[in-house]
Amino acid sequence: MSIPEELVRARHLALASDETAAKELLLSLMPRIEAADRDDWMLETLAQLGELYLVRTAYDGVREAASRIRACLAVYSSILAGTASADVVAASKLTTTETRHLIRRYGRRAGFLETGLAAARGDHEGAAVALAALEDHDVEFADLAAEHTYLLTYARIVCAEALCHDDLHVRSIPLWNTVIDYIGRPTNGDESTDNLLVLGGLGHARFCIETGRLADAEPWLRRVEARAESRGWELATARARLERGAASWSAGDRAATEARMYEAYPVIARYLRADDVSRCWLFFGLTRLSAGGLKAADECWENAERHWRELGKPLQIHRILLQRSWIAIFRGRFDEAVAMVQQARECLDSSPRSSWLAYARLDDHLGNIWRAEALADLDLDGLAHPDDDWAAAEARYRAGAGTTRAEAGGDRHRSAMQKLRRAADLKVPASLAVDSVRYSVTDAEARAQWATCVSAPLLAGAFAVALEWENTDLVSQLVEYHSARGTFSAAAPDPATEGWSSVSTAPAPIADVDELALVAAGPPITDGSGLTRLGPLPPLRMDPTTGPVLDDYRRLAVERYGQCVTAAEAAWETWP
């Protein structure tokens, strides 16, 4: 085969996810290319290698490939600029037009690698700058238009996925909209276009699943799976089945989740995709836990944690640590659970992309541990004793009916009340901070999804702790707070605040959305009708002899998470 034909074959192998064979082929071509003294072939080889390294998270290789491409193009740019030495000019066999063509084509290829590298490193601002530079609007060479569109779309997919990996789902929405608009059009059906369909469809489907839009995800997953099967791309087929399994779990279908994971895992493991392997183990653990298999679930999540540690993903590590801590809680080993939460906090501290929402959820989970320890003091039937073996712990877990047997007024009861107080000090401020976001979302569907998927679990935990603490005053205050869902005003909409509101319209139930948080802490906004005003609630007073409800907990929400749950307005008096 000629070198150009070999380069085409390497590209075919890469699209089929056989990166190892593609890399070996490309590396074997380099001596022949050097002997032929063809810079264009060498640039193509480096560009393909860089893309392979980006897919396999070998980021030093991506940087090296981009750097070598830029160094070579700098020489040709010096020729065009008239600053190259005479021997360099003499060595070049390209015309001026061919030189400009070479610089334009492989400058874009290097730009794609630089964009992908910045996104993968979590430098989303740098990735946005590199993506803007890649979108150069240069139409001098019509034969490069299709490749340019491919690179732009691929770069947008990479940037959007990186944002979602860092829980910045809202910021990814414009990118996903552009990607879906392109891959949803009729195409010529070549390999590169199908690759974009598969990558974009998978990424967008995962975004939809993680943001509660299961109905939007399913058509894309079926389309991706069908296209991948027709191409014989077994890894892409397996990844589509993984996402369908994730969607099944979100829909509450344990059997379908397990079936899809069993279909996907062997292929994904064979192709050594560590992130997807970890996600398979995560869902395996969830299905085992739902069947009462504590030991099997812990082993699955231990495998998931190991793979995510190999990738060096602090946000993913922190999530799996919180998940694993539930096993320690069910076994009555609360010190182990607290240690895992502390490790999770250290992961958040080490990540530049962690935010107040992640810390709020972590504090809420620490409150869960205090609550569970209190329930253990109350002799909750479903919790194991710390010295129980796995079999005994699983038997207690399966047989638990949620009843407590401790006598009121005893030492164990008093100890439990103190621990529930500590749980409330963690859970109530966290729930108020997270729920404050709900009042910033003007879109009714988005607001309902945030309330259901994010606010409701935390508020339910706060209510549960207050009830178990036997603190009727706190329960009453939470009821009063929860009943005050919004205020009404006839004021005209403010265009500036409407601009903030537009960022908040997409549902992002598990996302860390700083934009929403900023709105929640800011002034009230309108939905454009001039009727419903959304924003932080004013202080609520339900008793003329006491201060505002939840006043101390609201203050803690500000101190811990920077979320102003209370508007600087006159207090509402809610008594008759």
Protein backbone atom coordinates (compact mmCIF):
# COMPACT_ATOMS: atom_id res chain seq x y z
CA MET A 1 0.00 0.00 0.00
CA SER A 2 1.11 3.56 -0.64
CA ILE A 3 1.60 5.93 2.29
CA PRO A 4 -1.60 7.90 1.54
CA GLU A 5 -3.55 4.63 1.41
CA GLU A 6 -2.01 3.57 4.73
CA LEU A 7 -3.05 6.89 6.26
CA VAL A 8 -6.62 6.27 5.10
CA ARG A 9 -6.49 2.78 6.63
CA ALA A 10 -5.23 4.21 9.93
CA ARG A 11 -8.15 6.62 9.91
CA HIS A 12 -10.55 3.73 9.30
CA LEU A 13 -9.09 1.80 12.25
CA ALA A 14 -9.40 4.83 14.53
CA LEU A 15 -13.05 5.38 13.65
CA ALA A 16 -13.68 1.72 14.48
CA SER A 17 -12.13 2.41 17.93
CA ASP A 18 -9.10 0.22 17.24
CA GLU A 19 -6.72 2.93 18.41
CA THR A 20 -3.90 0.51 19.24
CA ALA A 21 -3.68 -0.84 15.69
CA ALA A 22 -4.06 2.67 14.27
CA LYS A 23 -1.26 4.01 16.46
CA GLU A 24 1.10 1.18 15.57
CA LEU A 25 0.39 1.70 11.88
CA LEU A 26 0.97 5.46 12.08
CA LEU A 27 4.21 5.08 14.02
CA SER A 28 5.45 2.50 11.51
CA LEU A 29 4.83 4.97 8.69
CA MET A 30 7.02 7.71 10.13
CA PRO A 31 10.41 6.35 8.92
CA ARG A 32 9.00 5.93 5.40
CA ILE A 33 7.55 9.44 5.46
CA GLU A 34 10.85 10.92 6.64
CA ALA A 35 12.66 9.09 3.85
CA ALA A 36 10.17 10.45 1.33
CA ASP A 37 10.65 13.98 2.78
CA ARG A 38 6.91 14.71 2.76
CA ASP A 39 5.89 17.22 5.40
CA ASP A 40 2.22 16.99 4.43
CA TRP A 41 2.16 13.26 5.15
CA MET A 42 4.00 13.77 8.43
CA LEU A 43 1.52 16.46 9.48
CA GLU A 44 -1.38 14.13 8.72
CA THR A 45 0.28 11.40 10.77
CA LEU A 46 0.80 13.74 13.72
CA ALA A 47 -2.78 15.02 13.50
CA GLN A 48 -4.18 11.48 13.54
CA LEU A 49 -1.91 10.47 16.41
CA GLY A 50 -2.98 13.51 18.40
CA GLU A 51 -6.63 12.62 17.93
CA LEU A 52 -5.95 9.04 19.04
CA TYR A 53 -4.17 10.25 22.16
CA LEU A 54 -7.05 12.61 22.94
CA VAL A 55 -9.56 9.74 22.77
CA ARG A 56 -7.38 7.58 25.02
CA THR A 57 -6.67 10.42 27.50
CA ALA A 58 -2.92 10.35 26.78
CA TYR A 59 -2.71 14.11 27.06
CA ASP A 60 1.07 14.42 26.89
CA GLY A 61 0.86 12.81 23.46
CA VAL A 62 -1.82 15.29 22.38
CA ARG A 63 0.36 18.22 23.47
CA GLU A 64 3.40 16.80 21.69
CA ALA A 65 1.48 16.23 18.44
CA ALA A 66 0.02 19.76 18.44
CA SER A 67 3.41 21.26 19.26
CA ARG A 68 5.17 19.44 16.43
CA ILE A 69 2.46 20.47 13.96
CA ARG A 70 2.77 24.10 15.05
CA ALA A 71 6.57 23.98 14.79
CA CYS A 72 6.43 22.65 11.23
CA LEU A 73 3.81 25.18 10.17
CA ALA A 74 5.88 27.99 11.67
CA VAL A 75 8.61 27.19 9.15
CA TYR A 76 6.18 27.41 6.24
CA SER A 77 4.74 30.64 7.65
CA SER A 78 8.24 32.11 7.72
CA ILE A 79 8.60 31.22 4.04
CA LEU A 80 5.40 33.13 3.20
CA ALA A 81 6.52 36.03 5.38
CA GLY A 82 9.91 36.20 3.67
CA THR A 83 11.83 35.65 6.90
CA ALA A 84 13.04 32.11 6.22
CA SER A 85 16.66 31.41 5.38
CA ALA A 86 17.65 30.69 1.80
CA ASP A 87 18.25 26.97 2.39
CA VAL A 88 14.78 26.58 3.99
CA VAL A 89 13.16 28.30 1.02
CA ALA A 90 15.12 26.13 -1.38
CA ALA A 91 14.07 22.95 0.42
CA SER A 92 10.39 23.70 0.02
CA LYS A 93 8.73 22.14 -3.00
CA LEU A 94 5.33 23.79 -2.51
CA THR A 95 3.88 26.74 -4.36
CA THR A 96 2.60 29.74 -2.43
CA THR A 97 -0.99 28.55 -2.76
CA GLU A 98 -0.07 25.03 -1.67
CA THR A 99 1.79 26.43 1.33
CA ARG A 100 -1.22 28.49 2.41
CA HIS A 101 -3.39 25.40 1.94
CA LEU A 102 -1.05 23.32 4.12
CA ILE A 103 -0.95 25.96 6.85
CA ARG A 104 -4.70 26.43 6.86
CA ARG A 105 -5.50 22.71 6.93
CA TYR A 106 -3.09 21.58 9.61
CA GLY A 107 -3.38 24.76 11.63
CA ARG A 108 -6.99 23.79 12.09
CA ARG A 109 -6.02 20.23 12.99
CA ALA A 110 -3.63 21.56 15.64
CA GLY A 111 -6.36 23.96 16.83
CA PHE A 112 -8.72 21.03 17.31
CA LEU A 113 -6.14 19.19 19.42
CA GLU A 114 -5.50 22.30 21.53
CA THR A 115 -9.24 22.78 22.05
CA GLY A 116 -9.72 19.17 23.09
CA LEU A 117 -6.70 19.25 25.39
CA ALA A 118 -7.91 22.37 27.20
CA ALA A 119 -11.40 20.90 27.62
CA ALA A 120 -10.06 17.59 28.89
CA ARG A 121 -7.88 19.39 31.44
CA GLY A 122 -10.89 21.28 32.76
CA ASP A 123 -9.77 24.62 31.34
CA HIS A 124 -13.19 25.38 29.87
CA GLU A 125 -12.46 29.06 29.36
CA GLY A 126 -9.29 28.20 27.44
CA ALA A 127 -11.21 25.62 25.43
CA ALA A 128 -13.81 28.25 24.51
CA VAL A 129 -11.08 30.60 23.28
CA ALA A 130 -9.46 27.82 21.24
CA LEU A 131 -12.85 26.82 19.81
CA ALA A 132 -13.53 30.40 18.76
CA ALA A 133 -10.15 30.52 17.03
CA LEU A 134 -10.93 27.27 15.23
CA GLU A 135 -14.09 28.85 13.84
CA ASP A 136 -12.05 31.10 11.54
CA HIS A 137 -14.60 31.68 8.72
CA ASP A 138 -11.79 31.35 6.16
CA VAL A 139 -13.35 30.21 2.86
CA GLU A 140 -10.29 30.49 0.61
CA PHE A 141 -10.03 26.74 0.11
CA ALA A 142 -13.38 25.16 -0.71
CA ASP A 143 -11.95 21.64 -0.55
CA LEU A 144 -11.29 22.10 3.18
CA ALA A 145 -14.84 23.13 4.07
CA ALA A 146 -16.10 19.63 4.91
CA GLU A 147 -13.08 18.85 7.07
CA HIS A 148 -13.41 22.21 8.82
CA THR A 149 -17.06 21.52 9.64
CA TYR A 150 -16.09 18.09 10.94
CA LEU A 151 -13.39 19.53 13.21
CA LEU A 152 -15.68 22.26 14.52
CA THR A 153 -18.48 19.82 15.32
CA TYR A 154 -16.11 17.32 16.91
CA ALA A 155 -14.52 20.08 19.01
CA ARG A 156 -17.95 21.24 20.20
CA ILE A 157 -18.79 17.68 21.23
CA VAL A 158 -15.54 17.38 23.18
CA CYS A 159 -16.08 20.74 24.91
CA ALA A 160 -19.71 19.97 25.76
CA GLU A 161 -18.85 16.55 27.19
CA ALA A 162 -16.05 18.06 29.28
CA LEU A 163 -18.45 20.63 30.72
CA CYS A 164 -20.92 17.88 31.64
CA HIS A 165 -18.15 15.81 33.24
CA ASP A 166 -17.46 18.79 35.50
CA ASP A 167 -21.18 19.20 36.30
CA LEU A 168 -21.49 22.36 34.22
CA HIS A 169 -24.47 21.14 32.23
CA VAL A 170 -26.07 24.54 31.74
CA ARG A 171 -22.96 25.94 30.06
CA SER A 172 -22.97 23.02 27.62
CA ILE A 173 -26.47 23.71 26.29
CA PRO A 174 -25.49 26.12 23.45
CA LEU A 175 -22.85 23.66 22.28
CA TRP A 176 -25.26 20.73 22.32
CA ASN A 177 -27.86 22.74 20.44
CA THR A 178 -25.36 23.48 17.68
CA VAL A 179 -24.15 19.87 17.55
CA ILE A 180 -27.67 18.41 17.39
CA ASP A 181 -28.69 20.88 14.72
CA TYR A 182 -25.82 19.64 12.54
CA ILE A 183 -25.89 15.88 13.13
CA GLY A 184 -29.67 15.82 12.82
CA ARG A 185 -29.53 16.85 9.16
CA PRO A 186 -29.49 14.36 6.25
CA THR A 187 -25.91 13.42 5.40
CA ASN A 188 -23.93 11.62 2.73
CA GLY A 189 -23.34 8.74 5.16
CA ASP A 190 -19.53 8.65 5.01
CA GLU A 191 -17.49 7.34 7.94
CA SER A 192 -16.56 10.74 9.35
CA THR A 193 -20.14 11.99 9.31
CA ASP A 194 -21.35 8.79 10.95
CA ASN A 195 -18.64 9.20 13.58
CA LEU A 196 -20.01 12.64 14.44
CA LEU A 197 -23.53 11.22 14.63
CA VAL A 198 -22.38 8.51 17.03
CA LEU A 199 -20.24 10.75 19.23
CA GLY A 200 -22.71 13.62 19.27
CA GLY A 201 -25.72 11.38 19.76
CA LEU A 202 -24.11 9.53 22.66
CA GLY A 203 -22.92 12.70 24.35
CA HIS A 204 -26.24 14.48 23.97
CA ALA A 205 -28.19 11.43 25.14
CA ARG A 206 -26.07 11.24 28.28
CA PHE A 207 -26.68 14.95 28.85
CA CYS A 208 -30.42 14.35 28.53
CA ILE A 209 -30.34 11.43 30.95
CA GLU A 210 -28.35 13.39 33.53
CA THR A 211 -30.74 16.33 33.27
CA GLY A 212 -33.92 14.28 33.52
CA ARG A 213 -34.97 14.32 29.84
CA LEU A 214 -35.28 10.60 29.28
CA ALA A 215 -37.78 10.96 26.44
CA ASP A 216 -35.29 13.08 24.49
CA ALA A 217 -32.45 10.62 25.04
CA GLU A 218 -34.13 7.43 23.82
CA PRO A 219 -34.50 8.32 20.09
CA TRP A 220 -30.87 9.37 19.86
CA LEU A 221 -29.66 6.20 21.54
CA ARG A 222 -31.66 4.00 19.18
CA ARG A 223 -30.36 5.94 16.20
CA VAL A 224 -26.76 5.76 17.41
CA GLU A 225 -26.98 2.05 18.16
CA ALA A 226 -28.44 1.32 14.73
CA ARG A 227 -25.79 3.37 12.91
CA ALA A 228 -22.94 1.85 14.93
CA GLU A 229 -24.19 -1.69 14.29
CA SER A 230 -24.46 -1.01 10.57
CA ARG A 231 -20.84 0.16 10.59
CA GLY A 232 -19.65 -2.73 12.72
CA TRP A 233 -18.45 -0.33 15.43
CA GLU A 234 -18.92 -2.59 18.43
CA LEU A 235 -17.57 -0.17 21.04
CA ALA A 236 -19.99 2.56 19.95
CA THR A 237 -22.79 -0.01 20.04
CA ALA A 238 -21.79 -1.02 23.56
CA ARG A 239 -21.62 2.61 24.69
CA ALA A 240 -25.14 3.19 23.36
CA ARG A 241 -26.33 0.21 25.40
CA LEU A 242 -24.57 1.60 28.47
CA GLU A 243 -26.48 4.87 28.12
CA ARG A 244 -29.74 2.99 27.57
CA GLY A 245 -28.99 1.14 30.79
CA ALA A 246 -28.43 4.46 32.57
CA ALA A 247 -31.76 5.68 31.22
CA SER A 248 -33.46 2.49 32.44
CA TRP A 249 -32.09 3.03 35.92
CA SER A 250 -33.37 6.60 35.95
CA ALA A 251 -36.77 5.25 34.91
CA GLY A 252 -36.73 2.73 37.78
CA ASP A 253 -36.32 -0.40 35.63
CA ARG A 254 -33.71 -2.48 37.44
CA ALA A 255 -34.00 -5.54 35.19
CA ALA A 256 -33.47 -3.54 32.00
CA THR A 257 -30.53 -1.72 33.59
CA GLU A 258 -28.81 -4.96 34.48
CA ALA A 259 -29.47 -6.48 31.07
CA ARG A 260 -28.03 -3.49 29.23
CA MET A 261 -24.95 -3.39 31.45
CA TYR A 262 -24.26 -7.07 30.89
CA GLU A 263 -24.45 -6.43 27.14
CA ALA A 264 -22.19 -3.39 27.25
CA TYR A 265 -19.55 -4.24 29.83
CA PRO A 266 -17.55 -7.02 28.09
CA VAL A 267 -16.97 -4.88 24.99
CA ILE A 268 -16.19 -1.71 26.93
CA ALA A 269 -13.73 -3.60 29.15
CA ARG A 270 -12.04 -5.14 26.13
CA TYR A 271 -11.51 -1.71 24.62
CA LEU A 272 -10.12 -0.42 27.96
CA ARG A 273 -12.37 2.64 28.30
CA ALA A 274 -11.78 3.37 31.97
CA ASP A 275 -14.50 6.01 32.44
CA ASP A 276 -17.18 3.86 30.84
CA VAL A 277 -15.90 0.80 32.70
CA SER A 278 -16.32 2.73 35.96
CA ARG A 279 -19.84 3.73 35.03
CA CYS A 280 -20.72 0.10 34.32
CA TRP A 281 -19.43 -0.86 37.77
CA LEU A 282 -21.43 2.01 39.28
CA PHE A 283 -24.68 0.69 37.81
CA PHE A 284 -23.79 -2.91 38.66
CA GLY A 285 -23.43 -1.74 42.25
CA LEU A 286 -26.74 0.08 42.21
CA THR A 287 -28.59 -2.98 40.96
CA ARG A 288 -26.84 -5.21 43.53
CA LEU A 289 -27.76 -2.81 46.34
CA SER A 290 -31.38 -2.67 45.22
CA ALA A 291 -31.46 -6.46 45.61
CA GLY A 292 -29.94 -6.31 49.10
CA GLY A 293 -26.42 -7.35 48.09
CA LEU A 294 -24.30 -5.02 50.22
CA LYS A 295 -21.03 -6.89 49.73
CA ALA A 296 -21.49 -7.22 45.95
CA ALA A 297 -22.41 -3.53 45.67
CA ASP A 298 -19.33 -2.48 47.65
CA GLU A 299 -17.08 -4.61 45.45
CA CYS A 300 -18.58 -3.07 42.31
CA TRP A 301 -18.11 0.46 43.60
CA GLU A 302 -14.58 -0.34 44.73
CA ASN A 303 -13.79 -1.29 41.14
CA ALA A 304 -15.39 1.93 39.89
CA GLU A 305 -13.34 4.00 42.32
CA ARG A 306 -10.12 2.28 41.27
CA HIS A 307 -10.65 3.08 37.60
CA TRP A 308 -11.60 6.70 38.30
CA ARG A 309 -8.51 7.09 40.46
CA GLU A 310 -6.41 5.81 37.56
CA LEU A 311 -7.92 8.56 35.42
CA GLY A 312 -7.33 11.19 38.12
CA LYS A 313 -10.93 12.47 38.07
CA PRO A 314 -11.52 14.19 41.45
CA LEU A 315 -15.21 14.94 40.94
CA GLN A 316 -15.99 11.38 39.91
CA ILE A 317 -13.88 10.03 42.80
CA HIS A 318 -15.77 12.22 45.27
CA ARG A 319 -19.11 10.92 43.95
CA ILE A 320 -18.17 7.27 44.18
CA LEU A 321 -16.79 7.78 47.70
CA LEU A 322 -20.14 9.20 48.80
CA GLN A 323 -21.85 6.24 47.14
CA ARG A 324 -19.59 3.73 48.87
CA SER A 325 -20.14 5.40 52.24
CA TRP A 326 -23.75 4.17 52.16
CA ILE A 327 -22.46 0.61 52.53
CA ALA A 328 -20.57 1.63 55.66
CA ILE A 329 -23.73 3.34 56.94
CA PHE A 330 -25.86 0.24 56.40
CA ARG A 331 -23.23 -1.83 58.21
CA GLY A 332 -23.30 0.54 61.19
CA ARG A 333 -19.68 1.56 60.63
CA PHE A 334 -20.18 5.28 60.86
CA ASP A 335 -16.53 6.22 61.40
CA GLU A 336 -15.69 4.57 58.07
CA ALA A 337 -18.47 6.52 56.39
CA VAL A 338 -17.22 9.81 57.86
CA ALA A 339 -13.68 9.00 56.67
CA MET A 340 -14.99 8.46 53.13
CA VAL A 341 -16.83 11.78 53.25
CA GLN A 342 -13.62 13.47 54.37
CA GLN A 343 -11.79 11.92 51.42
CA ALA A 344 -14.58 13.17 49.16
CA ARG A 345 -14.18 16.67 50.58
CA GLU A 346 -10.46 16.54 49.85
CA CYS A 347 -11.27 15.60 46.25
CA LEU A 348 -13.54 18.62 45.97
CA ASP A 349 -10.86 20.82 47.51
CA SER A 350 -8.35 19.58 44.91
CA SER A 351 -10.65 20.23 41.94
CA PRO A 352 -10.80 23.72 40.43
CA ARG A 353 -14.30 22.86 39.16
CA SER A 354 -15.93 22.06 42.50
CA SER A 355 -18.65 24.44 43.64
CA TRP A 356 -21.01 25.34 46.44
CA LEU A 357 -23.61 22.84 45.22
CA ALA A 358 -21.19 19.93 45.55
CA TYR A 359 -20.22 21.06 49.04
CA ALA A 360 -23.88 21.50 50.02
CA ARG A 361 -24.65 17.94 48.94
CA LEU A 362 -21.58 16.67 50.76
CA ASP A 363 -22.67 18.39 53.98
CA ASP A 364 -26.16 17.00 53.51
CA HIS A 365 -24.68 13.52 53.22
CA LEU A 366 -22.61 14.05 56.36
CA GLY A 367 -25.92 14.92 58.00
CA ASN A 368 -27.24 11.58 56.71
CA ILE A 369 -24.47 9.83 58.62
CA TRP A 370 -25.31 11.64 61.87
CA ARG A 371 -28.97 10.80 61.30
CA ALA A 372 -28.15 7.13 60.70
CA GLU A 373 -26.01 7.01 63.86
CA ALA A 374 -28.90 8.54 65.79
CA LEU A 375 -31.26 5.93 64.38
CA ALA A 376 -28.81 3.26 65.43
CA ASP A 377 -29.05 4.62 68.98
CA LEU A 378 -32.82 4.34 68.60
CA ASP A 379 -32.29 0.69 67.57
CA LEU A 380 -33.52 0.96 63.98
CA ASP A 381 -34.12 -2.59 62.80
CA GLY A 382 -32.55 -2.25 59.33
CA LEU A 383 -29.07 -1.14 60.45
CA ALA A 384 -26.40 -3.73 61.10
CA HIS A 385 -24.09 -3.79 64.09
CA PRO A 386 -20.47 -2.82 63.37
CA ASP A 387 -19.21 -6.31 64.22
CA ASP A 388 -21.72 -8.11 61.97
CA ASP A 389 -20.27 -10.02 59.03
CA TRP A 390 -21.56 -9.42 55.49
CA ALA A 391 -24.22 -12.12 55.68
CA ALA A 392 -25.66 -10.79 58.93
CA ALA A 393 -25.57 -7.20 57.68
CA GLU A 394 -27.37 -8.14 54.47
CA ALA A 395 -29.99 -10.12 56.41
CA ARG A 396 -30.72 -7.09 58.62
CA TYR A 397 -30.79 -4.80 55.59
CA ARG A 398 -33.31 -6.98 53.73
CA ALA A 399 -35.51 -7.56 56.78
CA GLY A 400 -35.60 -3.93 57.92
CA ALA A 401 -39.08 -2.46 58.34
CA GLY A 402 -37.94 1.01 59.42
CA THR A 403 -39.03 0.68 63.06
CA THR A 404 -37.16 1.84 66.16
CA ARG A 405 -37.28 0.15 69.57
CA ALA A 406 -35.47 2.51 71.98
CA GLU A 407 -37.50 3.85 74.91
CA ALA A 408 -38.13 7.58 75.08
CA GLY A 409 -36.23 9.39 77.84
CA GLY A 410 -33.44 6.83 78.12
CA ASP A 411 -29.73 7.42 77.61
CA ARG A 412 -29.82 6.08 74.05
CA HIS A 413 -32.79 8.31 73.25
CA ARG A 414 -31.00 11.42 74.58
CA SER A 415 -27.86 10.51 72.65
CA ALA A 416 -29.93 10.13 69.47
CA MET A 417 -31.53 13.56 69.95
CA GLN A 418 -28.09 15.21 70.19
CA LYS A 419 -26.97 13.50 67.00
CA LEU A 420 -30.15 14.51 65.19
CA ARG A 421 -29.48 18.11 66.23
CA ARG A 422 -26.07 17.88 64.53
CA ALA A 423 -27.71 16.30 61.49
CA ALA A 424 -30.18 19.18 61.27
CA ASP A 425 -27.36 21.73 61.52
CA LEU A 426 -25.91 20.16 58.37
CA LYS A 427 -28.98 19.18 56.39
CA VAL A 428 -31.30 22.16 56.85
CA PRO A 429 -28.87 24.90 55.65
CA ALA A 430 -27.83 22.72 52.70
CA SER A 431 -31.44 22.10 51.71
CA LEU A 432 -32.30 25.81 51.95
CA ALA A 433 -29.31 26.80 49.81
CA VAL A 434 -30.13 24.25 47.12
CA ASP A 435 -33.84 25.04 47.15
CA SER A 436 -33.07 28.73 46.68
CA VAL A 437 -32.16 27.93 43.07
CA ARG A 438 -35.75 26.87 42.44
CA TYR A 439 -36.90 30.46 42.87
CA SER A 440 -34.60 31.64 40.09
CA VAL A 441 -35.95 29.41 37.31
CA THR A 442 -38.67 31.10 35.28
CA ASP A 443 -39.40 28.12 33.04
CA ALA A 444 -42.11 26.09 34.77
CA GLU A 445 -40.92 22.69 33.54
CA ALA A 446 -37.32 23.42 34.45
CA ARG A 447 -38.39 24.67 37.86
CA ALA A 448 -40.40 21.51 38.46
CA GLN A 449 -37.47 19.30 37.44
CA TRP A 450 -35.08 21.14 39.74
CA ALA A 451 -37.58 20.90 42.57
CA THR A 452 -38.18 17.20 41.99
CA CYS A 453 -34.65 16.02 41.29
CA VAL A 454 -32.53 18.32 43.46
CA SER A 455 -34.51 20.29 46.03
CA ALA A 456 -37.01 17.61 47.03
CA PRO A 457 -34.55 14.95 48.26
CA LEU A 458 -32.68 17.46 50.41
CA LEU A 459 -35.83 19.10 51.77
CA ALA A 460 -37.32 15.67 52.51
CA GLY A 461 -34.20 14.81 54.49
CA ALA A 462 -34.49 18.07 56.43
CA PHE A 463 -38.13 17.34 57.27
CA ALA A 464 -37.25 13.78 58.31
CA VAL A 465 -34.50 14.91 60.67
CA ALA A 466 -36.75 17.55 62.22
CA LEU A 467 -39.49 14.98 62.75
CA GLU A 468 -37.18 12.32 64.21
CA TRP A 469 -35.60 14.99 66.41
CA GLU A 470 -39.13 15.55 67.74
CA ASN A 471 -38.64 19.25 67.08
CA THR A 472 -42.18 20.34 66.25
CA ASP A 473 -41.11 23.99 66.08
CA LEU A 474 -38.59 23.24 63.33
CA VAL A 475 -41.15 21.12 61.47
CA SER A 476 -43.60 24.03 61.62
CA GLN A 477 -41.00 26.45 60.31
CA LEU A 478 -40.09 24.14 57.43
CA VAL A 479 -43.76 23.80 56.54
CA GLU A 480 -44.13 27.58 56.60
CA TYR A 481 -41.06 28.00 54.40
CA HIS A 482 -42.16 25.30 51.97
CA SER A 483 -45.63 26.81 51.66
CA ALA A 484 -44.25 30.19 50.56
CA ARG A 485 -43.58 29.21 46.95
CA GLY A 486 -43.36 32.65 45.38
CA THR A 487 -44.56 36.22 45.48
CA PHE A 488 -46.60 38.31 43.13
CA SER A 489 -45.91 41.67 41.56
CA ALA A 490 -47.22 43.75 38.70
CA ALA A 491 -43.82 45.26 37.99
CA ALA A 492 -42.57 45.35 34.40
CA PRO A 493 -39.84 42.81 33.51
CA ASP A 494 -36.25 43.97 33.68
CA PRO A 495 -34.33 43.05 30.47
CA ALA A 496 -31.10 42.63 32.39
CA THR A 497 -32.57 40.12 34.81
CA GLU A 498 -34.38 38.41 31.95
CA GLY A 499 -30.97 37.77 30.44
CA TRP A 500 -29.92 35.99 33.61
CA SER A 501 -33.18 34.10 33.58
CA SER A 502 -32.59 32.76 30.08
CA VAL A 503 -29.54 30.93 31.36
CA SER A 504 -31.70 29.14 33.86
CA THR A 505 -34.37 27.65 31.64
CA ALA A 506 -32.78 24.25 31.00
CA PRO A 507 -33.41 21.59 33.61
CA ALA A 508 -30.19 20.35 35.15
CA PRO A 509 -31.18 18.13 38.07
CA ILE A 510 -27.73 16.85 38.91
CA ALA A 511 -25.72 19.73 37.54
CA ASP A 512 -23.62 22.27 39.33
CA VAL A 513 -25.09 25.39 37.77
CA ASP A 514 -23.34 28.49 38.99
CA GLU A 515 -25.50 30.62 36.73
CA LEU A 516 -28.64 29.48 38.54
CA ALA A 517 -26.98 29.96 41.88
CA LEU A 518 -26.06 33.53 41.04
CA VAL A 519 -29.63 34.32 40.09
CA ALA A 520 -30.95 32.66 43.22
CA ALA A 521 -28.74 34.88 45.34
CA GLY A 522 -29.65 38.01 43.39
CA PRO A 523 -32.68 40.22 43.07
CA PRO A 524 -36.14 38.84 42.25
CA ILE A 525 -36.87 38.31 38.56
CA THR A 526 -40.03 38.10 36.51
CA ASP A 527 -41.19 35.60 33.95
CA GLY A 528 -42.21 38.28 31.47
CA SER A 529 -45.91 38.25 32.27
CA GLY A 530 -45.58 40.89 34.97
CA LEU A 531 -47.39 38.65 37.44
CA THR A 532 -45.14 36.04 39.01
CA ARG A 533 -41.96 37.24 40.65
CA LEU A 534 -39.32 34.69 41.48
CA GLY A 535 -36.36 35.16 43.76
CA PRO A 536 -35.19 34.77 47.36
CA LEU A 537 -38.01 34.86 49.87
CA PRO A 538 -38.25 37.74 52.34
CA PRO A 539 -38.00 36.87 56.06
CA LEU A 540 -41.06 34.97 57.26
CA ARG A 541 -42.51 35.53 60.73
CA MET A 542 -45.18 33.09 61.83
CA ASP A 543 -45.33 34.25 65.45
CA PRO A 544 -45.26 37.87 66.66
CA THR A 545 -43.24 36.82 69.70
CA THR A 546 -40.40 35.19 67.76
CA GLY A 547 -37.95 36.11 65.03
CA PRO A 548 -38.07 35.05 61.36
CA VAL A 549 -38.45 31.33 60.67
CA LEU A 550 -35.30 29.29 60.05
CA ASP A 551 -33.26 32.43 60.72
CA ASP A 552 -30.16 30.64 62.07
CA TYR A 553 -30.25 28.02 59.33
CA ARG A 554 -30.57 30.69 56.63
CA ARG A 555 -27.55 32.46 58.11
CA LEU A 556 -25.57 29.20 57.93
CA ALA A 557 -26.59 28.79 54.27
CA VAL A 558 -25.00 32.17 53.54
CA GLU A 559 -21.86 31.48 55.58
CA ARG A 560 -21.24 27.99 54.16
CA TYR A 561 -22.37 28.28 50.55
CA GLY A 562 -22.70 31.98 49.83
CA GLN A 563 -26.37 31.54 49.01
CA CYS A 564 -28.60 34.37 50.18
CA VAL A 565 -31.81 32.53 50.94
CA THR A 566 -33.49 35.64 52.35
CA ALA A 567 -34.23 38.80 50.35
CA ALA A 568 -33.41 42.14 51.95
CA GLU A 569 -37.05 43.13 52.32
CA ALA A 570 -39.57 43.66 55.08
CA ALA A 571 -40.57 40.47 56.84
CA TRP A 572 -43.78 38.73 55.87
CA GLU A 573 -46.10 38.25 58.80
CA THR A 574 -47.88 34.97 58.25
CA TRP A 575 -50.02 34.72 61.35
CA PRO A 576 -53.80 35.42 61.01
